[in-house]
Amino acid sequence: MANDKTDPVQHPRQAAEAIRSFNHATVPALNGRPGIEYTGTAYRAIGAFTTLAHRLPQSFHQIAMALAELHKAGHLTADHSAPTEHAAVTCAALREAEQHATAMTKALERAHSACSPLGYCGPIDDADDL
């Protein structure tokens, strides 16, 4: 439950910005160099994304449970139609998102395992601190 000092929405917003920063940091260079030059970096990134994906189902479930409790308490209204319809569609979509996040976690776990034995044997740029 949120307290007076913290809006819980700030956390997924920060996560979204962190993903955006990752995407910018890993864009391939114009000279053809890949945005991720070393297999260790890819392995660690996949591991971090796996952790992120693993935590998403709980977040979606908690949002759905909160809406269900608000509805049950009679605290929902809607601009059009009955709030019951909107709450039901929202909760169903969140359950679907949970399933997709679980599937994404499993795929990332497979990718992480497959990437594990990979090593790098190309030139090393001494300017890189990896």
C-alpha atoms as a PDB file:
ATOM      1  CA  MET A   1       0.000   0.000   0.000  1.00  0.00           C
ATOM      2  CA  ALA A   2       1.246   3.495  -0.807  1.00  0.00           C
ATOM      3  CA  ASN A   3       2.230   5.838   1.951  1.00  0.00           C
ATOM      4  CA  ASP A   4       1.934   9.621   1.913  1.00  0.00           C
ATOM      5  CA  LYS A   5       5.556  10.048   0.808  1.00  0.00           C
ATOM      6  CA  THR A   6       5.822   7.625  -2.101  1.00  0.00           C
ATOM      7  CA  ASP A   7       3.732   7.318  -5.245  1.00  0.00           C
ATOM      8  CA  PRO A   8       4.259   3.697  -6.322  1.00  0.00           C
ATOM      9  CA  VAL A   9       3.832   4.698  -9.974  1.00  0.00           C
ATOM     10  CA  GLN A  10       7.242   6.378  -9.836  1.00  0.00           C
ATOM     11  CA  HIS A  11       8.926   2.965  -9.783  1.00  0.00           C
ATOM     12  CA  PRO A  12       7.634   1.575 -13.115  1.00  0.00           C
ATOM     13  CA  ARG A  13       8.255   5.002 -14.648  1.00  0.00           C
ATOM     14  CA  GLN A  14      11.876   4.870 -13.475  1.00  0.00           C
ATOM     15  CA  ALA A  15      12.155   1.317 -14.795  1.00  0.00           C
ATOM     16  CA  ALA A  16      10.839   2.458 -18.182  1.00  0.00           C
ATOM     17  CA  GLU A  17      13.405   5.263 -18.264  1.00  0.00           C
ATOM     18  CA  ALA A  18      16.147   2.809 -17.306  1.00  0.00           C
ATOM     19  CA  ILE A  19      15.166   0.575 -20.240  1.00  0.00           C
ATOM     20  CA  ARG A  20      15.189   3.614 -22.510  1.00  0.00           C
ATOM     21  CA  SER A  21      18.694   4.463 -21.290  1.00  0.00           C
ATOM     22  CA  PHE A  22      19.812   0.881 -21.917  1.00  0.00           C
ATOM     23  CA  ASN A  23      18.421   1.056 -25.457  1.00  0.00           C
ATOM     24  CA  HIS A  24      20.284   4.316 -26.120  1.00  0.00           C
ATOM     25  CA  ALA A  25      23.519   2.954 -24.613  1.00  0.00           C
ATOM     26  CA  THR A  26      23.425  -0.156 -26.796  1.00  0.00           C
ATOM     27  CA  VAL A  27      22.581   1.358 -30.178  1.00  0.00           C
ATOM     28  CA  PRO A  28      25.188   0.190 -32.711  1.00  0.00           C
ATOM     29  CA  ALA A  29      27.735   2.870 -33.611  1.00  0.00           C
ATOM     30  CA  LEU A  30      27.760   4.461 -37.045  1.00  0.00           C
ATOM     31  CA  ASN A  31      31.185   2.892 -37.653  1.00  0.00           C
ATOM     32  CA  GLY A  32      29.555  -0.541 -37.498  1.00  0.00           C
ATOM     33  CA  ARG A  33      30.651  -1.441 -33.980  1.00  0.00           C
ATOM     34  CA  PRO A  34      27.885  -3.209 -32.079  1.00  0.00           C
ATOM     35  CA  GLY A  35      26.298  -1.455 -29.136  1.00  0.00           C
ATOM     36  CA  ILE A  36      27.246  -4.442 -26.986  1.00  0.00           C
ATOM     37  CA  GLU A  37      30.765  -5.530 -27.820  1.00  0.00           C
ATOM     38  CA  TYR A  38      31.413  -8.274 -25.297  1.00  0.00           C
ATOM     39  CA  THR A  39      29.530 -11.467 -24.519  1.00  0.00           C
ATOM     40  CA  GLY A  40      29.830 -10.836 -20.788  1.00  0.00           C
ATOM     41  CA  THR A  41      27.873  -7.625 -21.184  1.00  0.00           C
ATOM     42  CA  ALA A  42      25.147  -9.452 -23.115  1.00  0.00           C
ATOM     43  CA  TYR A  43      25.036 -12.203 -20.485  1.00  0.00           C
ATOM     44  CA  ARG A  44      24.707  -9.722 -17.625  1.00  0.00           C
ATOM     45  CA  ALA A  45      22.054  -7.712 -19.501  1.00  0.00           C
ATOM     46  CA  ILE A  46      19.992 -10.836 -20.169  1.00  0.00           C
ATOM     47  CA  GLY A  47      20.281 -11.737 -16.488  1.00  0.00           C
ATOM     48  CA  ALA A  48      19.080  -8.288 -15.449  1.00  0.00           C
ATOM     49  CA  PHE A  49      16.150  -8.445 -17.865  1.00  0.00           C
ATOM     50  CA  THR A  50      15.299 -11.891 -16.519  1.00  0.00           C
ATOM     51  CA  THR A  51      15.095 -10.486 -13.005  1.00  0.00           C
ATOM     52  CA  LEU A  52      12.919  -7.619 -14.211  1.00  0.00           C
ATOM     53  CA  ALA A  53      10.569  -9.952 -16.097  1.00  0.00           C
ATOM     54  CA  HIS A  54      10.360 -12.317 -13.119  1.00  0.00           C
ATOM     55  CA  ARG A  55       9.013  -9.490 -10.956  1.00  0.00           C
ATOM     56  CA  LEU A  56       6.345  -8.247 -13.369  1.00  0.00           C
ATOM     57  CA  PRO A  57       3.641 -10.876 -12.731  1.00  0.00           C
ATOM     58  CA  GLN A  58       3.418  -9.921  -9.057  1.00  0.00           C
ATOM     59  CA  SER A  59       3.054  -6.252  -9.986  1.00  0.00           C
ATOM     60  CA  PHE A  60       0.246  -6.969 -12.429  1.00  0.00           C
ATOM     61  CA  HIS A  61      -1.477  -9.251  -9.935  1.00  0.00           C
ATOM     62  CA  GLN A  62      -1.324  -6.622  -7.198  1.00  0.00           C
ATOM     63  CA  ILE A  63      -2.864  -3.975  -9.478  1.00  0.00           C
ATOM     64  CA  ALA A  64      -5.692  -6.366 -10.397  1.00  0.00           C
ATOM     65  CA  MET A  65      -6.282  -7.253  -6.744  1.00  0.00           C
ATOM     66  CA  ALA A  66      -6.401  -3.571  -5.800  1.00  0.00           C
ATOM     67  CA  LEU A  67      -8.999  -2.851  -8.492  1.00  0.00           C
ATOM     68  CA  ALA A  68     -11.035  -5.871  -7.412  1.00  0.00           C
ATOM     69  CA  GLU A  69     -11.005  -4.669  -3.797  1.00  0.00           C
ATOM     70  CA  LEU A  70     -11.958  -1.133  -4.814  1.00  0.00           C
ATOM     71  CA  HIS A  71     -14.824  -2.545  -6.867  1.00  0.00           C
ATOM     72  CA  LYS A  72     -15.950  -4.857  -4.053  1.00  0.00           C
ATOM     73  CA  ALA A  73     -15.979  -1.893  -1.645  1.00  0.00           C
ATOM     74  CA  GLY A  74     -18.107   0.114  -4.103  1.00  0.00           C
ATOM     75  CA  HIS A  75     -15.382   2.701  -4.698  1.00  0.00           C
ATOM     76  CA  LEU A  76     -15.294   2.533  -8.511  1.00  0.00           C
ATOM     77  CA  THR A  77     -17.147   4.651 -11.008  1.00  0.00           C
ATOM     78  CA  ALA A  78     -16.813   4.928 -14.789  1.00  0.00           C
ATOM     79  CA  ASP A  79     -17.230   7.683 -17.372  1.00  0.00           C
ATOM     80  CA  HIS A  80     -19.433   5.345 -19.416  1.00  0.00           C
ATOM     81  CA  SER A  81     -20.952   1.891 -18.960  1.00  0.00           C
ATOM     82  CA  ALA A  82     -20.788   0.071 -15.654  1.00  0.00           C
ATOM     83  CA  PRO A  83     -17.549   0.067 -13.661  1.00  0.00           C
ATOM     84  CA  THR A  84     -17.955  -3.708 -13.331  1.00  0.00           C
ATOM     85  CA  GLU A  85     -17.372  -4.132 -17.065  1.00  0.00           C
ATOM     86  CA  HIS A  86     -14.261  -1.933 -17.103  1.00  0.00           C
ATOM     87  CA  ALA A  87     -12.827  -3.571 -13.981  1.00  0.00           C
ATOM     88  CA  ALA A  88     -13.409  -7.050 -15.397  1.00  0.00           C
ATOM     89  CA  VAL A  89     -11.732  -6.209 -18.717  1.00  0.00           C
ATOM     90  CA  THR A  90      -8.827  -4.551 -16.904  1.00  0.00           C
ATOM     91  CA  CYS A  91      -8.310  -7.540 -14.604  1.00  0.00           C
ATOM     92  CA  ALA A  92      -8.530 -10.003 -17.499  1.00  0.00           C
ATOM     93  CA  ALA A  93      -5.925  -8.026 -19.448  1.00  0.00           C
ATOM     94  CA  LEU A  94      -3.669  -7.910 -16.377  1.00  0.00           C
ATOM     95  CA  ARG A  95      -3.976 -11.710 -15.994  1.00  0.00           C
ATOM     96  CA  GLU A  96      -2.965 -12.021 -19.647  1.00  0.00           C
ATOM     97  CA  ALA A  97      -0.009  -9.689 -19.004  1.00  0.00           C
ATOM     98  CA  GLU A  98       0.996 -11.924 -16.066  1.00  0.00           C
ATOM     99  CA  GLN A  99       1.018 -14.941 -18.382  1.00  0.00           C
ATOM    100  CA  HIS A 100       3.077 -13.110 -21.004  1.00  0.00           C
ATOM    101  CA  ALA A 101       5.548 -11.896 -18.379  1.00  0.00           C
ATOM    102  CA  THR A 102       5.913 -15.450 -17.084  1.00  0.00           C
ATOM    103  CA  ALA A 103       6.541 -16.694 -20.628  1.00  0.00           C
ATOM    104  CA  MET A 104       9.036 -13.868 -21.183  1.00  0.00           C
ATOM    105  CA  THR A 105      10.846 -14.835 -17.981  1.00  0.00           C
ATOM    106  CA  LYS A 106      11.152 -18.435 -19.139  1.00  0.00           C
ATOM    107  CA  ALA A 107      12.458 -17.351 -22.563  1.00  0.00           C
ATOM    108  CA  LEU A 108      14.995 -15.032 -20.942  1.00  0.00           C
ATOM    109  CA  GLU A 109      16.119 -17.819 -18.610  1.00  0.00           C
ATOM    110  CA  ARG A 110      16.741 -19.999 -21.686  1.00  0.00           C
ATOM    111  CA  ALA A 111      18.629 -17.150 -23.376  1.00  0.00           C
ATOM    112  CA  HIS A 112      20.708 -16.563 -20.240  1.00  0.00           C
ATOM    113  CA  SER A 113      21.623 -20.250 -20.027  1.00  0.00           C
ATOM    114  CA  ALA A 114      22.462 -20.432 -23.733  1.00  0.00           C
ATOM    115  CA  CYS A 115      24.626 -17.296 -23.515  1.00  0.00           C
ATOM    116  CA  SER A 116      26.508 -18.597 -20.463  1.00  0.00           C
ATOM    117  CA  PRO A 117      29.179 -20.633 -22.280  1.00  0.00           C
ATOM    118  CA  LEU A 118      29.881 -17.912 -24.850  1.00  0.00           C
ATOM    119  CA  GLY A 119      33.175 -16.068 -24.685  1.00  0.00           C
ATOM    120  CA  TYR A 120      34.769 -13.222 -26.579  1.00  0.00           C
ATOM    121  CA  CYS A 121      37.903 -13.752 -28.663  1.00  0.00           C
ATOM    122  CA  GLY A 122      38.140 -10.546 -30.682  1.00  0.00           C
ATOM    123  CA  PRO A 123      40.262  -7.461 -30.122  1.00  0.00           C
ATOM    124  CA  ILE A 124      39.847  -5.691 -26.811  1.00  0.00           C
ATOM    125  CA  ASP A 125      39.636  -1.926 -26.694  1.00  0.00           C
ATOM    126  CA  ASP A 126      41.760  -0.900 -23.714  1.00  0.00           C
ATOM    127  CA  ALA A 127      39.614   2.236 -23.348  1.00  0.00           C
ATOM    128  CA  ASP A 128      36.657   0.059 -22.403  1.00  0.00           C
ATOM    129  CA  ASP A 129      36.280  -0.716 -18.745  1.00  0.00           C
ATOM    130  CA  LEU A 130      34.340  -3.967 -19.040  1.00  0.00           C
END
